[in-house]
């Protein structure tokens, strides 16, 4: 009787039954709102295409992020109140 080899299955990722991250990425980018949000953030000057790195925050985007951090911290404390 031939010996059966153990099949190693990759864990499934969202949007993919095969476990291949590229399929999950294509699923995410294929949703109509994702590319629209990226387009709007780029037009607003909050993100930029960085050569070799993909998208990243601009200086203005980083400033906006820093502005929202205190509100985020407050929301975290507020949600844990008794």
Protein backbone atom coordinates (compact mmCIF):
# COMPACT_ATOMS: atom_id res chain seq x y z
CA UNK A 1 0.00 0.00 0.00
CA UNK A 2 1.55 3.37 -1.01
CA UNK A 3 2.32 5.75 1.79
CA UNK A 4 0.15 8.87 1.81
CA UNK A 5 2.03 12.10 2.14
CA UNK A 6 0.81 14.68 4.62
CA UNK A 7 -0.83 17.59 2.90
CA UNK A 8 0.12 20.95 4.31
CA UNK A 9 -2.75 23.36 3.92
CA UNK A 10 -2.26 27.06 4.18
CA UNK A 11 -4.74 28.77 6.48
CA UNK A 12 -7.52 30.50 4.63
CA UNK A 13 -7.31 34.25 4.34
CA UNK A 14 -10.28 36.54 3.95
CA UNK A 15 -11.52 36.47 0.39
CA UNK A 16 -9.60 33.34 -0.56
CA UNK A 17 -10.39 29.67 -0.16
CA UNK A 18 -6.86 28.77 -1.27
CA UNK A 19 -5.02 30.71 1.42
CA UNK A 20 -3.15 32.76 -1.15
CA UNK A 21 -2.66 36.35 0.02
CA UNK A 22 -2.73 37.66 -3.56
CA UNK A 23 -6.31 36.46 -3.88
CA UNK A 24 -7.30 38.22 -0.67
CA UNK A 25 -5.61 41.42 -1.88
CA UNK A 26 -7.38 41.30 -5.23
CA UNK A 27 -10.67 40.71 -3.42
CA UNK A 28 -10.08 43.76 -1.23
CA UNK A 29 -8.97 46.05 -4.07
CA UNK A 30 -11.83 44.82 -6.21
CA UNK A 31 -14.37 46.33 -3.88
CA UNK A 32 -15.55 49.52 -5.51
CA UNK A 33 -14.99 51.79 -2.51
CA UNK A 34 -11.33 50.93 -1.82
CA UNK A 35 -9.79 52.50 -4.88
CA UNK A 36 -12.16 55.46 -4.57
CA UNK A 37 -10.98 56.16 -1.02
CA UNK A 38 -7.34 55.91 -2.08
CA UNK A 39 -8.01 58.26 -5.00
CA UNK A 40 -9.72 60.83 -2.78
CA UNK A 41 -7.00 60.70 -0.10
CA UNK A 42 -4.33 61.20 -2.78
CA UNK A 43 -6.26 64.11 -4.35
CA UNK A 44 -6.58 65.65 -0.87
CA UNK A 45 -2.82 65.40 -0.39
CA UNK A 46 -3.02 63.00 2.56
CA UNK A 47 -1.32 60.01 0.93
CA UNK A 48 1.28 59.73 -1.80
CA UNK A 49 2.84 57.05 -3.92
CA UNK A 50 6.34 56.42 -2.57
CA UNK A 51 8.80 55.00 -5.10
CA UNK A 52 9.37 51.32 -4.28
CA UNK A 53 7.24 51.38 -1.10
CA UNK A 54 3.66 51.83 -2.28
CA UNK A 55 1.48 54.41 -0.60
CA UNK A 56 2.35 56.36 2.51
CA UNK A 57 1.18 59.38 4.44
CA UNK A 58 2.32 62.80 3.30
CA UNK A 59 3.47 65.35 5.86
CA UNK A 60 -0.10 66.69 5.87
CA UNK A 61 -1.43 63.14 6.37
CA UNK A 62 0.97 62.60 9.28
CA UNK A 63 -0.18 65.87 10.84
CA UNK A 64 -3.82 64.79 10.51
CA UNK A 65 -2.97 61.45 12.12
CA UNK A 66 -1.29 63.22 15.05
CA UNK A 67 -4.32 65.49 15.39
CA UNK A 68 -6.67 62.52 15.73
CA UNK A 69 -4.53 60.56 18.21
CA UNK A 70 -5.82 62.44 21.30
CA UNK A 71 -9.40 61.85 20.16
CA UNK A 72 -8.62 58.15 19.67
CA UNK A 73 -7.10 57.92 23.16
CA UNK A 74 -10.15 59.65 24.63
CA UNK A 75 -12.49 57.25 22.80
CA UNK A 76 -10.55 54.28 24.19
CA UNK A 77 -10.86 55.60 27.76
CA UNK A 78 -14.51 56.53 27.23
CA UNK A 79 -15.40 53.05 25.94
CA UNK A 80 -13.95 51.44 29.10
CA UNK A 81 -15.87 53.59 31.57
CA UNK A 82 -18.01 51.78 34.12
